Amino acid sequence: MSFLSGKSVLVTGATGSFGKRFIKTVLDEHNPERLVVFSRDELKQYEMQQQHLQSPKLRYFLGDVRDKERLYRAFDGVEVVIHAAAMKQVPASEYNPMEAVKTNIIGAENVINVCIDQEVKHVIALSTDKAANPVNLYGATKLAADKLFIAANALSGRHRTRFSVVRYGNVIGSRGSVIPFFMQKRPTGVLPITDERMTRFWITLGQGVKFVLQCLERMRGGEVFVPKIPSMKVVDVAKVVAPECKTQIIGIRPGEKLHEIMITPDDSYYTVEFPDHYVIQPAGPWWDTRQYVSSAGGKAVAEGFQYSSDRNKEWMTPAQLAELLRHEPIEL
């Protein structure tokens, strides 16, 4: 039986790319008692309602994670929260820094406190590869949010609310990502590339949703879960999306990395490897590292290990990406 069967589940940022796919998957495959869509965009909620008119399990709450009082009302009776709400555009965050702080950090703290007070049992927050060794404000706010969610396990006390984090790379086809951008630029005949050496991790929306659902069952509270996913050069992605187009090297933009990293060498002291994922364990005194390694069946990684897109063991071929694009919806 599904972990979510018969449970009341809420997704913040539920009208975003991940949220929509997660909602659809849970409705189709996991039989929740109630599934709450929480987001601040009334138009996107209206559009989602048109797609899921026949589902009596859905509840729609307009609200913002910045508004703590609204969270109290929405989280009443909820058992599982997936926190996907975030301000995630790098240039917008650089130009409007306090807006990113209010949503990504203060919003995260609001979610944590309300989850504890409302006796929510399981909470997973979505992170990003940009939170590891961040070079832009978006990554820095997401790193701060990750730290808040992990530390929240020491705050929940008798409430026993458990918090974990899922961190993964670029989502193929999600709104605002590079593949839809290349598709929009395709009619011009020229695709701008910041650097021909640039690499990124890649995951589909479906794979991301599946991994989050798996982590809900695995979590004990305090882990940062990182899936093993392939890397690919951005210039090769451009060739798959628009093989007829020329590429123009424009240089790395402010706040952009040449390669992304999801596990840093400093994280290696706390990282455990499993067949399809890694877990960065919390460094808190309430966590028993030896007991986790022995009971969960993983193995500690070597000191100095790092999981970065340029040193990845797994690489996606152009043929594999082309096959994914034939089946994966692209949000323009």
C-alpha atoms as a PDB file:
ATOM      1  CA  MET A   1       0.000   0.000   0.000  1.00  0.00           C
ATOM      2  CA  SER A   2       1.227   3.490  -0.823  1.00  0.00           C
ATOM      3  CA  PHE A   3       2.762   5.557   1.982  1.00  0.00           C
ATOM      4  CA  LEU A   4       0.318   8.366   1.119  1.00  0.00           C
ATOM      5  CA  SER A   5      -2.766   6.159   0.988  1.00  0.00           C
ATOM      6  CA  GLY A   6      -5.482   7.631   3.199  1.00  0.00           C
ATOM      7  CA  LYS A   7      -3.331  10.582   4.278  1.00  0.00           C
ATOM      8  CA  SER A   8      -3.933  14.313   4.078  1.00  0.00           C
ATOM      9  CA  VAL A   9      -1.172  15.844   1.940  1.00  0.00           C
ATOM     10  CA  LEU A  10      -0.338  19.493   1.201  1.00  0.00           C
ATOM     11  CA  VAL A  11       2.029  20.881  -1.441  1.00  0.00           C
ATOM     12  CA  THR A  12       3.278  24.472  -1.252  1.00  0.00           C
ATOM     13  CA  GLY A  13       4.031  25.999  -4.629  1.00  0.00           C
ATOM     14  CA  ALA A  14       1.693  23.349  -6.006  1.00  0.00           C
ATOM     15  CA  THR A  15       0.956  25.159  -9.281  1.00  0.00           C
ATOM     16  CA  GLY A  16       4.625  25.177 -10.323  1.00  0.00           C
ATOM     17  CA  SER A  17       6.218  22.594 -12.626  1.00  0.00           C
ATOM     18  CA  PHE A  18       7.062  20.110  -9.874  1.00  0.00           C
ATOM     19  CA  GLY A  19       3.843  20.693  -7.946  1.00  0.00           C
ATOM     20  CA  LYS A  20       1.576  20.014 -10.904  1.00  0.00           C
ATOM     21  CA  ARG A  21       3.331  16.750 -11.749  1.00  0.00           C
ATOM     22  CA  PHE A  22       3.396  15.693  -8.092  1.00  0.00           C
ATOM     23  CA  ILE A  23      -0.336  16.405  -7.687  1.00  0.00           C
ATOM     24  CA  LYS A  24      -1.193  14.416 -10.803  1.00  0.00           C
ATOM     25  CA  THR A  25       1.002  11.464  -9.796  1.00  0.00           C
ATOM     26  CA  VAL A  26      -0.403  11.293  -6.268  1.00  0.00           C
ATOM     27  CA  LEU A  27      -3.987  11.526  -7.522  1.00  0.00           C
ATOM     28  CA  ASP A  28      -3.419   8.817 -10.134  1.00  0.00           C
ATOM     29  CA  GLU A  29      -1.345   6.364  -8.116  1.00  0.00           C
ATOM     30  CA  HIS A  30      -1.433   6.947  -4.337  1.00  0.00           C
ATOM     31  CA  ASN A  31      -5.036   7.367  -3.167  1.00  0.00           C
ATOM     32  CA  PRO A  32      -4.680  10.169  -0.571  1.00  0.00           C
ATOM     33  CA  GLU A  33      -7.646  11.134   1.568  1.00  0.00           C
ATOM     34  CA  ARG A  34      -7.121  14.818   0.811  1.00  0.00           C
ATOM     35  CA  LEU A  35      -4.649  16.673  -1.403  1.00  0.00           C
ATOM     36  CA  VAL A  36      -4.217  20.400  -0.754  1.00  0.00           C
ATOM     37  CA  VAL A  37      -2.956  22.751  -3.477  1.00  0.00           C
ATOM     38  CA  PHE A  38      -1.338  25.742  -1.767  1.00  0.00           C
ATOM     39  CA  SER A  39      -0.033  28.578  -3.940  1.00  0.00           C
ATOM     40  CA  ARG A  40      -0.391  32.307  -4.440  1.00  0.00           C
ATOM     41  CA  ASP A  41      -1.337  32.408  -8.151  1.00  0.00           C
ATOM     42  CA  GLU A  42      -5.117  32.398  -8.632  1.00  0.00           C
ATOM     43  CA  LEU A  43      -4.893  31.996 -12.422  1.00  0.00           C
ATOM     44  CA  LYS A  44      -2.714  28.890 -12.170  1.00  0.00           C
ATOM     45  CA  GLN A  45      -5.060  27.426  -9.574  1.00  0.00           C
ATOM     46  CA  TYR A  46      -8.010  28.090 -11.877  1.00  0.00           C
ATOM     47  CA  GLU A  47      -6.205  26.349 -14.743  1.00  0.00           C
ATOM     48  CA  MET A  48      -5.410  23.368 -12.519  1.00  0.00           C
ATOM     49  CA  GLN A  49      -9.054  23.149 -11.457  1.00  0.00           C
ATOM     50  CA  GLN A  50     -10.056  22.869 -15.116  1.00  0.00           C
ATOM     51  CA  GLN A  51      -7.688  19.902 -15.502  1.00  0.00           C
ATOM     52  CA  HIS A  52      -8.823  18.058 -12.347  1.00  0.00           C
ATOM     53  CA  LEU A  53     -12.515  18.930 -12.129  1.00  0.00           C
ATOM     54  CA  GLN A  54     -13.493  15.335 -11.388  1.00  0.00           C
ATOM     55  CA  SER A  55     -11.321  14.925  -8.277  1.00  0.00           C
ATOM     56  CA  PRO A  56     -13.169  15.412  -4.957  1.00  0.00           C
ATOM     57  CA  LYS A  57      -9.887  14.849  -3.103  1.00  0.00           C
ATOM     58  CA  LEU A  58      -8.417  18.200  -4.152  1.00  0.00           C
ATOM     59  CA  ARG A  59      -8.616  21.338  -2.024  1.00  0.00           C
ATOM     60  CA  TYR A  60      -7.386  24.713  -3.299  1.00  0.00           C
ATOM     61  CA  PHE A  61      -5.885  27.255  -0.901  1.00  0.00           C
ATOM     62  CA  LEU A  62      -4.724  30.635  -2.119  1.00  0.00           C
ATOM     63  CA  GLY A  63      -1.914  31.827   0.112  1.00  0.00           C
ATOM     64  CA  ASP A  64       1.732  32.761   0.453  1.00  0.00           C
ATOM     65  CA  VAL A  65       4.347  31.032   2.613  1.00  0.00           C
ATOM     66  CA  ARG A  66       5.234  34.514   3.857  1.00  0.00           C
ATOM     67  CA  ASP A  67       1.804  34.657   5.530  1.00  0.00           C
ATOM     68  CA  LYS A  68       2.076  32.555   8.674  1.00  0.00           C
ATOM     69  CA  GLU A  69      -1.568  32.923   9.676  1.00  0.00           C
ATOM     70  CA  ARG A  70      -2.728  31.584   6.331  1.00  0.00           C
ATOM     71  CA  LEU A  71      -0.388  28.608   6.734  1.00  0.00           C
ATOM     72  CA  TYR A  72      -2.002  27.766  10.069  1.00  0.00           C
ATOM     73  CA  ARG A  73      -5.399  27.543   8.394  1.00  0.00           C
ATOM     74  CA  ALA A  74      -4.152  25.555   5.387  1.00  0.00           C
ATOM     75  CA  PHE A  75      -2.097  23.048   7.438  1.00  0.00           C
ATOM     76  CA  ASP A  76      -4.942  22.140   9.791  1.00  0.00           C
ATOM     77  CA  GLY A  77      -5.301  18.337   9.785  1.00  0.00           C
ATOM     78  CA  VAL A  78      -2.458  17.832   7.279  1.00  0.00           C
ATOM     79  CA  GLU A  79      -0.116  14.862   7.829  1.00  0.00           C
ATOM     80  CA  VAL A  80       2.423  15.298   5.002  1.00  0.00           C
ATOM     81  CA  VAL A  81       3.835  18.545   3.559  1.00  0.00           C
ATOM     82  CA  ILE A  82       5.945  18.884   0.422  1.00  0.00           C
ATOM     83  CA  HIS A  83       7.495  22.348   0.423  1.00  0.00           C
ATOM     84  CA  ALA A  84       8.112  23.328  -3.201  1.00  0.00           C
ATOM     85  CA  ALA A  85       7.313  27.058  -3.018  1.00  0.00           C
ATOM     86  CA  ALA A  86      10.317  29.220  -3.830  1.00  0.00           C
ATOM     87  CA  MET A  87      11.532  32.239  -5.697  1.00  0.00           C
ATOM     88  CA  LYS A  88      13.996  30.477  -8.006  1.00  0.00           C
ATOM     89  CA  GLN A  89      15.012  32.734 -10.900  1.00  0.00           C
ATOM     90  CA  VAL A  90      18.658  33.706 -10.377  1.00  0.00           C
ATOM     91  CA  PRO A  91      18.583  37.165 -12.063  1.00  0.00           C
ATOM     92  CA  ALA A  92      15.304  38.112 -10.359  1.00  0.00           C
ATOM     93  CA  SER A  93      16.716  37.101  -6.981  1.00  0.00           C
ATOM     94  CA  GLU A  94      19.880  39.140  -7.544  1.00  0.00           C
ATOM     95  CA  TYR A  95      17.851  42.235  -8.475  1.00  0.00           C
ATOM     96  CA  ASN A  96      15.251  41.752  -5.708  1.00  0.00           C
ATOM     97  CA  PRO A  97      17.311  40.200  -2.902  1.00  0.00           C
ATOM     98  CA  MET A  98      14.958  40.793  -0.002  1.00  0.00           C
ATOM     99  CA  GLU A  99      12.061  39.286  -1.934  1.00  0.00           C
ATOM    100  CA  ALA A 100      14.079  36.074  -2.299  1.00  0.00           C
ATOM    101  CA  VAL A 101      14.968  36.176   1.404  1.00  0.00           C
ATOM    102  CA  LYS A 102      11.328  36.688   2.418  1.00  0.00           C
ATOM    103  CA  THR A 103      10.069  33.758   0.348  1.00  0.00           C
ATOM    104  CA  ASN A 104      12.938  31.275   0.518  1.00  0.00           C
ATOM    105  CA  ILE A 105      14.171  31.822   4.093  1.00  0.00           C
ATOM    106  CA  ILE A 106      11.416  33.487   6.109  1.00  0.00           C
ATOM    107  CA  GLY A 107       8.826  31.439   4.222  1.00  0.00           C
ATOM    108  CA  ALA A 108      10.736  28.269   5.074  1.00  0.00           C
ATOM    109  CA  GLU A 109      10.815  29.216   8.763  1.00  0.00           C
ATOM    110  CA  ASN A 110       7.063  29.872   8.684  1.00  0.00           C
ATOM    111  CA  VAL A 111       6.434  26.438   7.145  1.00  0.00           C
ATOM    112  CA  ILE A 112       8.616  24.795   9.802  1.00  0.00           C
ATOM    113  CA  ASN A 113       6.923  26.449  12.763  1.00  0.00           C
ATOM    114  CA  VAL A 114       3.406  25.852  11.492  1.00  0.00           C
ATOM    115  CA  CYS A 115       4.179  22.197  10.663  1.00  0.00           C
ATOM    116  CA  ILE A 116       5.371  21.655  14.241  1.00  0.00           C
ATOM    117  CA  ASP A 117       2.413  23.459  15.815  1.00  0.00           C
ATOM    118  CA  GLN A 118      -0.125  21.678  13.600  1.00  0.00           C
ATOM    119  CA  GLU A 119       1.373  18.240  14.305  1.00  0.00           C
ATOM    120  CA  VAL A 120       2.330  17.494  10.691  1.00  0.00           C
ATOM    121  CA  LYS A 121       4.199  14.160  10.672  1.00  0.00           C
ATOM    122  CA  HIS A 122       6.443  14.250   7.582  1.00  0.00           C
ATOM    123  CA  VAL A 123       7.887  17.270   5.764  1.00  0.00           C
ATOM    124  CA  ILE A 124      10.133  17.246   2.708  1.00  0.00           C
ATOM    125  CA  ALA A 125      11.567  20.490   1.359  1.00  0.00           C
ATOM    126  CA  LEU A 126      12.833  20.738  -2.204  1.00  0.00           C
ATOM    127  CA  SER A 127      16.315  22.139  -2.613  1.00  0.00           C
ATOM    128  CA  THR A 128      18.638  22.707  -5.578  1.00  0.00           C
ATOM    129  CA  ASP A 129      22.195  21.994  -6.667  1.00  0.00           C
ATOM    130  CA  LYS A 130      22.763  25.751  -6.404  1.00  0.00           C
ATOM    131  CA  ALA A 131      22.528  25.452  -2.602  1.00  0.00           C
ATOM    132  CA  ALA A 132      25.897  23.643  -2.459  1.00  0.00           C
ATOM    133  CA  ASN A 133      28.787  26.157  -2.383  1.00  0.00           C
ATOM    134  CA  PRO A 134      26.392  28.911  -3.549  1.00  0.00           C
ATOM    135  CA  VAL A 135      27.655  31.734  -5.751  1.00  0.00           C
ATOM    136  CA  ASN A 136      24.337  33.568  -6.134  1.00  0.00           C
ATOM    137  CA  LEU A 137      21.665  34.810  -3.763  1.00  0.00           C
ATOM    138  CA  TYR A 138      19.148  32.182  -4.846  1.00  0.00           C
ATOM    139  CA  GLY A 139      21.579  29.404  -3.914  1.00  0.00           C
ATOM    140  CA  ALA A 140      22.438  31.133  -0.647  1.00  0.00           C
ATOM    141  CA  THR A 141      18.780  31.438   0.362  1.00  0.00           C
ATOM    142  CA  LYS A 142      18.157  27.783  -0.482  1.00  0.00           C
ATOM    143  CA  LEU A 143      21.198  26.719   1.549  1.00  0.00           C
ATOM    144  CA  ALA A 144      19.849  28.707   4.497  1.00  0.00           C
ATOM    145  CA  ALA A 145      16.454  27.049   4.024  1.00  0.00           C
ATOM    146  CA  ASP A 146      18.097  23.590   3.932  1.00  0.00           C
ATOM    147  CA  LYS A 147      19.843  24.333   7.225  1.00  0.00           C
ATOM    148  CA  LEU A 148      16.591  25.520   8.778  1.00  0.00           C
ATOM    149  CA  PHE A 149      14.722  22.362   7.776  1.00  0.00           C
ATOM    150  CA  ILE A 150      17.452  20.054   9.065  1.00  0.00           C
ATOM    151  CA  ALA A 151      17.763  21.952  12.367  1.00  0.00           C
ATOM    152  CA  ALA A 152      13.964  21.830  12.745  1.00  0.00           C
ATOM    153  CA  ASN A 153      14.250  18.166  13.769  1.00  0.00           C
ATOM    154  CA  ALA A 154      15.837  19.323  17.025  1.00  0.00           C
ATOM    155  CA  LEU A 155      13.007  21.803  17.597  1.00  0.00           C
ATOM    156  CA  SER A 156       9.971  19.594  17.110  1.00  0.00           C
ATOM    157  CA  GLY A 157      10.340  17.874  20.494  1.00  0.00           C
ATOM    158  CA  ARG A 158       7.207  16.043  21.620  1.00  0.00           C
ATOM    159  CA  HIS A 159       5.443  16.942  18.360  1.00  0.00           C
ATOM    160  CA  ARG A 160       7.688  14.459  16.529  1.00  0.00           C
ATOM    161  CA  THR A 161       7.441  16.297  13.209  1.00  0.00           C
ATOM    162  CA  ARG A 162      10.194  15.009  10.927  1.00  0.00           C
ATOM    163  CA  PHE A 163      11.904  17.194   8.308  1.00  0.00           C
ATOM    164  CA  SER A 164      14.155  16.162   5.422  1.00  0.00           C
ATOM    165  CA  VAL A 165      15.455  17.789   2.233  1.00  0.00           C
ATOM    166  CA  VAL A 166      15.644  16.567  -1.367  1.00  0.00           C
ATOM    167  CA  ARG A 167      18.339  18.185  -3.529  1.00  0.00           C
ATOM    168  CA  TYR A 168      18.625  17.612  -7.266  1.00  0.00           C
ATOM    169  CA  GLY A 169      19.778  19.291 -10.480  1.00  0.00           C
ATOM    170  CA  ASN A 170      18.244  20.887 -13.565  1.00  0.00           C
ATOM    171  CA  VAL A 171      14.776  19.618 -14.393  1.00  0.00           C
ATOM    172  CA  ILE A 172      14.321  18.779 -18.064  1.00  0.00           C
ATOM    173  CA  GLY A 173      11.429  20.740 -19.489  1.00  0.00           C
ATOM    174  CA  SER A 174      10.478  22.754 -16.406  1.00  0.00           C
ATOM    175  CA  ARG A 175       9.355  26.338 -16.858  1.00  0.00           C
ATOM    176  CA  GLY A 176      12.275  28.779 -16.989  1.00  0.00           C
ATOM    177  CA  SER A 177      14.958  26.125 -17.540  1.00  0.00           C
ATOM    178  CA  VAL A 178      17.449  26.019 -20.393  1.00  0.00           C
ATOM    179  CA  ILE A 179      15.651  23.558 -22.710  1.00  0.00           C
ATOM    180  CA  PRO A 180      12.466  25.673 -23.037  1.00  0.00           C
ATOM    181  CA  PHE A 181      14.773  28.688 -23.456  1.00  0.00           C
ATOM    182  CA  PHE A 182      16.586  26.998 -26.342  1.00  0.00           C
ATOM    183  CA  MET A 183      13.247  26.086 -27.926  1.00  0.00           C
ATOM    184  CA  GLN A 184      12.117  29.703 -27.751  1.00  0.00           C
ATOM    185  CA  LYS A 185      15.402  30.848 -29.345  1.00  0.00           C
ATOM    186  CA  ARG A 186      15.281  28.197 -32.074  1.00  0.00           C
ATOM    187  CA  PRO A 187      13.454  30.395 -34.658  1.00  0.00           C
ATOM    188  CA  THR A 188      16.334  32.919 -34.508  1.00  0.00           C
ATOM    189  CA  GLY A 189      18.842  30.324 -35.720  1.00  0.00           C
ATOM    190  CA  VAL A 190      21.274  31.127 -32.904  1.00  0.00           C
ATOM    191  CA  LEU A 191      21.439  29.659 -29.383  1.00  0.00           C
ATOM    192  CA  PRO A 192      23.437  31.610 -26.765  1.00  0.00           C
ATOM    193  CA  ILE A 193      25.820  29.421 -24.726  1.00  0.00           C
ATOM    194  CA  THR A 194      27.606  30.861 -21.724  1.00  0.00           C
ATOM    195  CA  ASP A 195      30.634  28.532 -21.973  1.00  0.00           C
ATOM    196  CA  GLU A 196      31.214  25.477 -24.160  1.00  0.00           C
ATOM    197  CA  ARG A 197      32.713  23.598 -21.163  1.00  0.00           C
ATOM    198  CA  MET A 198      29.631  24.100 -18.967  1.00  0.00           C
ATOM    199  CA  THR A 199      28.017  20.953 -17.529  1.00  0.00           C
ATOM    200  CA  ARG A 200      24.845  20.360 -15.557  1.00  0.00           C
ATOM    201  CA  PHE A 201      23.026  17.542 -13.781  1.00  0.00           C
ATOM    202  CA  TRP A 202      19.747  16.510 -15.458  1.00  0.00           C
ATOM    203  CA  ILE A 203      16.554  14.937 -14.144  1.00  0.00           C
ATOM    204  CA  THR A 204      13.015  14.739 -15.519  1.00  0.00           C
ATOM    205  CA  LEU A 205       9.977  15.964 -13.606  1.00  0.00           C
ATOM    206  CA  GLY A 206       8.696  12.405 -13.376  1.00  0.00           C
ATOM    207  CA  GLN A 207      11.988  11.182 -11.928  1.00  0.00           C
ATOM    208  CA  GLY A 208      12.025  14.049  -9.441  1.00  0.00           C
ATOM    209  CA  VAL A 209       8.504  13.258  -8.248  1.00  0.00           C
ATOM    210  CA  LYS A 210       9.298   9.549  -7.943  1.00  0.00           C
ATOM    211  CA  PHE A 211      12.428  10.317  -5.906  1.00  0.00           C
ATOM    212  CA  VAL A 212      10.523  12.592  -3.511  1.00  0.00           C
ATOM    213  CA  LEU A 213       7.906   9.885  -2.977  1.00  0.00           C
ATOM    214  CA  GLN A 214      10.645   7.327  -2.267  1.00  0.00           C
ATOM    215  CA  CYS A 215      12.314   9.694   0.201  1.00  0.00           C
ATOM    216  CA  LEU A 216       9.041  10.141   2.087  1.00  0.00           C
ATOM    217  CA  GLU A 217       9.176   6.441   2.905  1.00  0.00           C
ATOM    218  CA  ARG A 218      12.931   6.403   3.629  1.00  0.00           C
ATOM    219  CA  MET A 219      13.221   9.538   5.749  1.00  0.00           C
ATOM    220  CA  ARG A 220      13.973   9.463   9.458  1.00  0.00           C
ATOM    221  CA  GLY A 221      14.294  13.244   9.737  1.00  0.00           C
ATOM    222  CA  GLY A 222      17.462  15.245   9.108  1.00  0.00           C
ATOM    223  CA  GLU A 223      18.689  13.798   5.823  1.00  0.00           C
ATOM    224  CA  VAL A 224      19.552  15.671   2.647  1.00  0.00           C
ATOM    225  CA  PHE A 225      18.700  13.177  -0.114  1.00  0.00           C
ATOM    226  CA  VAL A 226      20.622  13.481  -3.403  1.00  0.00           C
ATOM    227  CA  PRO A 227      19.702  11.237  -6.364  1.00  0.00           C
ATOM    228  CA  LYS A 228      22.304   9.764  -8.688  1.00  0.00           C
ATOM    229  CA  ILE A 229      21.505  11.438 -12.007  1.00  0.00           C
ATOM    230  CA  PRO A 230      23.460  11.954 -15.248  1.00  0.00           C
ATOM    231  CA  SER A 231      25.437  14.971 -16.404  1.00  0.00           C
ATOM    232  CA  MET A 232      25.586  16.513 -19.848  1.00  0.00           C
ATOM    233  CA  LYS A 233      27.331  19.451 -21.445  1.00  0.00           C
ATOM    234  CA  VAL A 234      25.006  22.363 -22.122  1.00  0.00           C
ATOM    235  CA  VAL A 235      26.442  22.717 -25.632  1.00  0.00           C
ATOM    236  CA  ASP A 236      25.421  19.101 -26.346  1.00  0.00           C
ATOM    237  CA  VAL A 237      21.928  19.841 -25.023  1.00  0.00           C
ATOM    238  CA  ALA A 238      21.717  22.710 -27.531  1.00  0.00           C
ATOM    239  CA  LYS A 239      22.677  20.380 -30.392  1.00  0.00           C
ATOM    240  CA  VAL A 240      19.890  17.968 -29.460  1.00  0.00           C
ATOM    241  CA  VAL A 241      17.213  20.652 -29.048  1.00  0.00           C
ATOM    242  CA  ALA A 242      18.087  22.600 -32.220  1.00  0.00           C
ATOM    243  CA  PRO A 243      20.692  20.799 -34.350  1.00  0.00           C
ATOM    244  CA  GLU A 244      20.203  23.254 -37.199  1.00  0.00           C
ATOM    245  CA  CYS A 245      21.107  26.293 -35.064  1.00  0.00           C
ATOM    246  CA  LYS A 246      24.472  27.932 -34.583  1.00  0.00           C
ATOM    247  CA  THR A 247      25.755  28.508 -31.047  1.00  0.00           C
ATOM    248  CA  GLN A 248      27.132  31.789 -29.767  1.00  0.00           C
ATOM    249  CA  ILE A 249      29.426  31.828 -26.718  1.00  0.00           C
ATOM    250  CA  ILE A 250      28.436  34.802 -24.555  1.00  0.00           C
ATOM    251  CA  GLY A 251      30.401  34.172 -21.358  1.00  0.00           C
ATOM    252  CA  ILE A 252      29.333  33.110 -17.872  1.00  0.00           C
ATOM    253  CA  ARG A 253      26.725  35.413 -16.367  1.00  0.00           C
ATOM    254  CA  PRO A 254      26.951  36.837 -12.837  1.00  0.00           C
ATOM    255  CA  GLY A 255      25.922  34.222 -10.270  1.00  0.00           C
ATOM    256  CA  GLU A 256      26.483  31.308 -12.667  1.00  0.00           C
ATOM    257  CA  LYS A 257      28.829  28.348 -12.216  1.00  0.00           C
ATOM    258  CA  LEU A 258      30.793  26.479 -14.873  1.00  0.00           C
ATOM    259  CA  HIS A 259      29.856  23.186 -13.199  1.00  0.00           C
ATOM    260  CA  GLU A 260      27.263  22.424 -10.536  1.00  0.00           C
ATOM    261  CA  ILE A 261      27.911  20.501  -7.344  1.00  0.00           C
ATOM    262  CA  MET A 262      25.441  18.711  -5.078  1.00  0.00           C
ATOM    263  CA  ILE A 263      27.798  17.220  -2.478  1.00  0.00           C
ATOM    264  CA  THR A 264      30.881  19.210  -1.488  1.00  0.00           C
ATOM    265  CA  PRO A 265      34.153  17.744  -0.144  1.00  0.00           C
ATOM    266  CA  ASP A 266      33.253  19.147   3.276  1.00  0.00           C
ATOM    267  CA  ASP A 267      29.980  17.190   3.118  1.00  0.00           C
ATOM    268  CA  SER A 268      31.893  13.948   2.502  1.00  0.00           C
ATOM    269  CA  TYR A 269      32.437  13.370   6.230  1.00  0.00           C
ATOM    270  CA  TYR A 270      28.676  12.949   6.658  1.00  0.00           C
ATOM    271  CA  THR A 271      27.710  11.394   3.299  1.00  0.00           C
ATOM    272  CA  VAL A 272      26.478   7.839   2.813  1.00  0.00           C
ATOM    273  CA  GLU A 273      26.163   6.176  -0.594  1.00  0.00           C
ATOM    274  CA  PHE A 274      23.295   3.925  -1.671  1.00  0.00           C
ATOM    275  CA  PRO A 275      22.733   2.219  -5.046  1.00  0.00           C
ATOM    276  CA  ASP A 276      20.625   5.037  -6.511  1.00  0.00           C
ATOM    277  CA  HIS A 277      21.219   7.989  -4.199  1.00  0.00           C
ATOM    278  CA  TYR A 278      23.357   9.662  -1.537  1.00  0.00           C
ATOM    279  CA  VAL A 279      22.369  10.894   1.898  1.00  0.00           C
ATOM    280  CA  ILE A 280      24.094  13.817   3.598  1.00  0.00           C
ATOM    281  CA  GLN A 281      23.525  13.135   7.269  1.00  0.00           C
ATOM    282  CA  PRO A 282      22.959  15.940   9.770  1.00  0.00           C
ATOM    283  CA  ALA A 283      25.841  16.907  12.025  1.00  0.00           C
ATOM    284  CA  GLY A 284      23.617  17.418  15.055  1.00  0.00           C
ATOM    285  CA  PRO A 285      24.257  15.590  18.336  1.00  0.00           C
ATOM    286  CA  TRP A 286      20.785  14.036  18.093  1.00  0.00           C
ATOM    287  CA  TRP A 287      21.792  11.980  15.045  1.00  0.00           C
ATOM    288  CA  ASP A 288      23.558   8.613  15.377  1.00  0.00           C
ATOM    289  CA  THR A 289      25.776   8.364  12.300  1.00  0.00           C
ATOM    290  CA  ARG A 290      27.105   4.862  12.977  1.00  0.00           C
ATOM    291  CA  GLN A 291      23.660   3.450  13.641  1.00  0.00           C
ATOM    292  CA  TYR A 292      22.307   4.997  10.444  1.00  0.00           C
ATOM    293  CA  VAL A 293      25.100   3.606   8.254  1.00  0.00           C
ATOM    294  CA  SER A 294      24.743   0.103   9.681  1.00  0.00           C
ATOM    295  CA  SER A 295      20.934  -0.068   9.723  1.00  0.00           C
ATOM    296  CA  ALA A 296      20.159   1.724   6.443  1.00  0.00           C
ATOM    297  CA  GLY A 297      22.577  -0.409   4.430  1.00  0.00           C
ATOM    298  CA  GLY A 298      24.647   2.365   2.873  1.00  0.00           C
ATOM    299  CA  LYS A 299      28.397   2.910   2.929  1.00  0.00           C
ATOM    300  CA  ALA A 300      30.348   6.005   3.876  1.00  0.00           C
ATOM    301  CA  VAL A 301      31.982   7.804   0.942  1.00  0.00           C
ATOM    302  CA  ALA A 302      35.728   8.505   0.889  1.00  0.00           C
ATOM    303  CA  GLU A 303      37.021  11.608   2.633  1.00  0.00           C
ATOM    304  CA  GLY A 304      37.146  14.479   0.146  1.00  0.00           C
ATOM    305  CA  PHE A 305      34.486  12.960  -2.132  1.00  0.00           C
ATOM    306  CA  GLN A 306      32.446  15.440  -4.133  1.00  0.00           C
ATOM    307  CA  TYR A 307      29.466  14.951  -6.429  1.00  0.00           C
ATOM    308  CA  SER A 308      29.778  17.503  -9.220  1.00  0.00           C
ATOM    309  CA  SER A 309      28.463  17.614 -12.758  1.00  0.00           C
ATOM    310  CA  ASP A 310      31.940  17.570 -14.357  1.00  0.00           C
ATOM    311  CA  ARG A 311      33.213  14.599 -12.291  1.00  0.00           C
ATOM    312  CA  ASN A 312      30.079  12.523 -12.548  1.00  0.00           C
ATOM    313  CA  LYS A 313      30.409   8.825 -13.414  1.00  0.00           C
ATOM    314  CA  GLU A 314      27.146   8.855 -15.352  1.00  0.00           C
ATOM    315  CA  TRP A 315      26.709  10.912 -18.547  1.00  0.00           C
ATOM    316  CA  MET A 316      23.626  11.308 -20.691  1.00  0.00           C
ATOM    317  CA  THR A 317      24.120  10.776 -24.418  1.00  0.00           C
ATOM    318  CA  PRO A 318      22.469  12.972 -27.063  1.00  0.00           C
ATOM    319  CA  ALA A 319      20.362   9.966 -28.110  1.00  0.00           C
ATOM    320  CA  GLN A 320      19.135   9.468 -24.532  1.00  0.00           C
ATOM    321  CA  LEU A 321      18.183  13.136 -24.196  1.00  0.00           C
ATOM    322  CA  ALA A 322      16.407  13.084 -27.560  1.00  0.00           C
ATOM    323  CA  GLU A 323      14.389  10.072 -26.407  1.00  0.00           C
ATOM    324  CA  LEU A 324      13.442  11.823 -23.150  1.00  0.00           C
ATOM    325  CA  LEU A 325      12.337  14.936 -25.026  1.00  0.00           C
ATOM    326  CA  ARG A 326       9.984  12.836 -27.146  1.00  0.00           C
ATOM    327  CA  HIS A 327       8.041  11.826 -24.032  1.00  0.00           C
ATOM    328  CA  GLU A 328       8.642  14.645 -21.523  1.00  0.00           C
ATOM    329  CA  PRO A 329       6.281  17.664 -21.647  1.00  0.00           C
ATOM    330  CA  ILE A 330       8.094  20.977 -22.100  1.00  0.00           C
ATOM    331  CA  GLU A 331       6.692  24.072 -20.365  1.00  0.00           C
ATOM    332  CA  LEU A 332       7.404  27.144 -22.472  1.00  0.00           C
END
